[in-house]
Amino acid sequence: MGTKIVYNHRAIEKKWREKWEENPVNPKVDDNGKKKPKYYCLDMFPYP
């Protein structure tokens, strides 16, 4: 039988939270420091 892979979600979550704090995926301010307006983006994928 195969080996069991252990998924350490706490270590992975900690790593990526730190990365996102340093480099936000969706920053609240633009490059000039001005506050960006909120928006809602609905993304739909075609269903074959």
N, C-alpha and C. Protein backbone atom coordinates (compact mmCIF):
# COMPACT_ATOMS: atom_id res chain seq x y z
N MET A 1 0.85 -1.17 0.00
CA MET A 1 0.00 0.00 0.00
C MET A 1 0.90 1.24 0.00
N GLY A 2 0.32 2.38 -0.31
CA GLY A 2 1.08 3.63 -0.40
C GLY A 2 1.38 4.23 0.97
N THR A 3 2.23 5.21 0.97
CA THR A 3 2.55 5.91 2.21
C THR A 3 1.52 6.98 2.48
N LYS A 4 1.32 7.27 3.74
CA LYS A 4 0.35 8.28 4.14
C LYS A 4 1.04 9.65 4.16
N ILE A 5 0.46 10.62 3.47
CA ILE A 5 1.00 11.97 3.44
C ILE A 5 0.29 12.79 4.51
N VAL A 6 1.07 13.41 5.38
CA VAL A 6 0.51 14.23 6.45
C VAL A 6 0.44 15.68 5.96
N TYR A 7 -0.72 16.28 6.05
CA TYR A 7 -0.96 17.65 5.62
C TYR A 7 -0.93 18.56 6.85
N ASN A 8 0.15 19.34 6.98
CA ASN A 8 0.28 20.23 8.12
C ASN A 8 -0.30 21.59 7.76
N HIS A 9 -1.60 21.74 7.95
CA HIS A 9 -2.28 22.98 7.55
C HIS A 9 -1.84 24.19 8.37
N ARG A 10 -1.44 24.01 9.59
CA ARG A 10 -1.02 25.15 10.43
C ARG A 10 0.27 25.77 9.92
N ALA A 11 1.23 24.95 9.53
CA ALA A 11 2.50 25.46 9.01
C ALA A 11 2.29 26.15 7.67
N ILE A 12 1.47 25.56 6.83
CA ILE A 12 1.21 26.14 5.51
C ILE A 12 0.46 27.46 5.65
N GLU A 13 -0.54 27.50 6.50
CA GLU A 13 -1.31 28.72 6.72
C GLU A 13 -0.42 29.83 7.27
N LYS A 14 0.44 29.51 8.23
CA LYS A 14 1.34 30.51 8.82
C LYS A 14 2.27 31.08 7.75
N LYS A 15 2.83 30.23 6.92
CA LYS A 15 3.75 30.65 5.87
C LYS A 15 3.08 31.64 4.92
N TRP A 16 1.91 31.28 4.43
CA TRP A 16 1.25 32.13 3.44
C TRP A 16 0.64 33.38 4.04
N ARG A 17 0.20 33.34 5.27
CA ARG A 17 -0.30 34.56 5.93
C ARG A 17 0.82 35.60 6.02
N GLU A 18 2.02 35.15 6.37
CA GLU A 18 3.17 36.06 6.44
C GLU A 18 3.49 36.65 5.07
N LYS A 19 3.47 35.82 4.03
CA LYS A 19 3.74 36.30 2.67
C LYS A 19 2.69 37.33 2.24
N TRP A 20 1.40 37.06 2.54
CA TRP A 20 0.32 37.96 2.14
C TRP A 20 0.39 39.27 2.91
N GLU A 21 0.87 39.24 4.15
CA GLU A 21 1.03 40.48 4.92
C GLU A 21 2.10 41.36 4.28
N GLU A 22 3.19 40.74 3.81
CA GLU A 22 4.29 41.48 3.17
C GLU A 22 3.87 42.01 1.80
N ASN A 23 3.20 41.17 1.01
CA ASN A 23 2.78 41.51 -0.36
C ASN A 23 1.31 41.18 -0.52
N PRO A 24 0.43 42.13 -0.19
CA PRO A 24 -1.02 41.85 -0.28
C PRO A 24 -1.46 41.49 -1.69
N VAL A 25 -2.35 40.53 -1.78
CA VAL A 25 -2.87 40.10 -3.07
C VAL A 25 -3.79 41.18 -3.64
N ASN A 26 -4.60 41.77 -2.80
CA ASN A 26 -5.53 42.81 -3.22
C ASN A 26 -5.37 44.01 -2.28
N PRO A 27 -4.36 44.87 -2.52
CA PRO A 27 -4.12 45.98 -1.61
C PRO A 27 -5.27 46.99 -1.60
N LYS A 28 -5.47 47.65 -0.46
CA LYS A 28 -6.56 48.61 -0.32
C LYS A 28 -6.18 50.00 -0.82
N VAL A 29 -4.90 50.20 -1.13
CA VAL A 29 -4.45 51.48 -1.66
C VAL A 29 -3.70 51.24 -2.97
N ASP A 30 -3.72 52.25 -3.86
CA ASP A 30 -3.01 52.10 -5.13
C ASP A 30 -1.54 52.49 -4.96
N ASP A 31 -0.80 52.54 -6.05
CA ASP A 31 0.63 52.84 -5.99
C ASP A 31 0.93 54.24 -5.49
N ASN A 32 -0.02 55.17 -5.62
CA ASN A 32 0.16 56.55 -5.17
C ASN A 32 -0.28 56.74 -3.72
N GLY A 33 -0.78 55.70 -3.08
CA GLY A 33 -1.23 55.78 -1.69
C GLY A 33 -2.68 56.18 -1.55
N LYS A 34 -3.40 56.33 -2.66
CA LYS A 34 -4.81 56.69 -2.60
C LYS A 34 -5.65 55.45 -2.35
N LYS A 35 -6.72 55.64 -1.56
CA LYS A 35 -7.60 54.52 -1.24
C LYS A 35 -8.36 54.09 -2.49
N LYS A 36 -8.40 52.78 -2.73
CA LYS A 36 -9.11 52.23 -3.89
C LYS A 36 -10.57 52.02 -3.54
N PRO A 37 -11.47 52.27 -4.51
CA PRO A 37 -12.89 52.01 -4.24
C PRO A 37 -13.17 50.51 -4.16
N LYS A 38 -14.14 50.15 -3.36
CA LYS A 38 -14.54 48.75 -3.25
C LYS A 38 -15.30 48.34 -4.50
N TYR A 39 -15.17 47.10 -4.88
CA TYR A 39 -15.92 46.59 -6.02
C TYR A 39 -16.20 45.11 -5.83
N TYR A 40 -17.18 44.63 -6.57
CA TYR A 40 -17.59 43.23 -6.51
C TYR A 40 -17.30 42.61 -7.86
N CYS A 41 -16.56 41.56 -7.88
CA CYS A 41 -16.21 40.90 -9.13
C CYS A 41 -16.78 39.48 -9.11
N LEU A 42 -17.72 39.23 -10.01
CA LEU A 42 -18.32 37.92 -10.12
C LEU A 42 -17.71 37.24 -11.33
N ASP A 43 -17.09 36.14 -11.12
CA ASP A 43 -16.43 35.40 -12.20
C ASP A 43 -17.18 34.11 -12.43
N MET A 44 -17.54 33.89 -13.67
CA MET A 44 -18.29 32.67 -14.01
C MET A 44 -17.52 31.85 -15.03
N PHE A 45 -17.48 30.57 -14.84
CA PHE A 45 -16.80 29.67 -15.74
C PHE A 45 -17.83 28.86 -16.54
N PRO A 46 -17.59 28.66 -17.82
CA PRO A 46 -18.55 27.88 -18.60
C PRO A 46 -18.60 26.43 -18.13
N TYR A 47 -19.76 25.90 -18.11
CA TYR A 47 -19.95 24.51 -17.71
C TYR A 47 -20.15 23.69 -18.97
N PRO A 48 -19.24 22.76 -19.24
CA PRO A 48 -19.35 22.01 -20.47
C PRO A 48 -20.54 21.03 -20.49
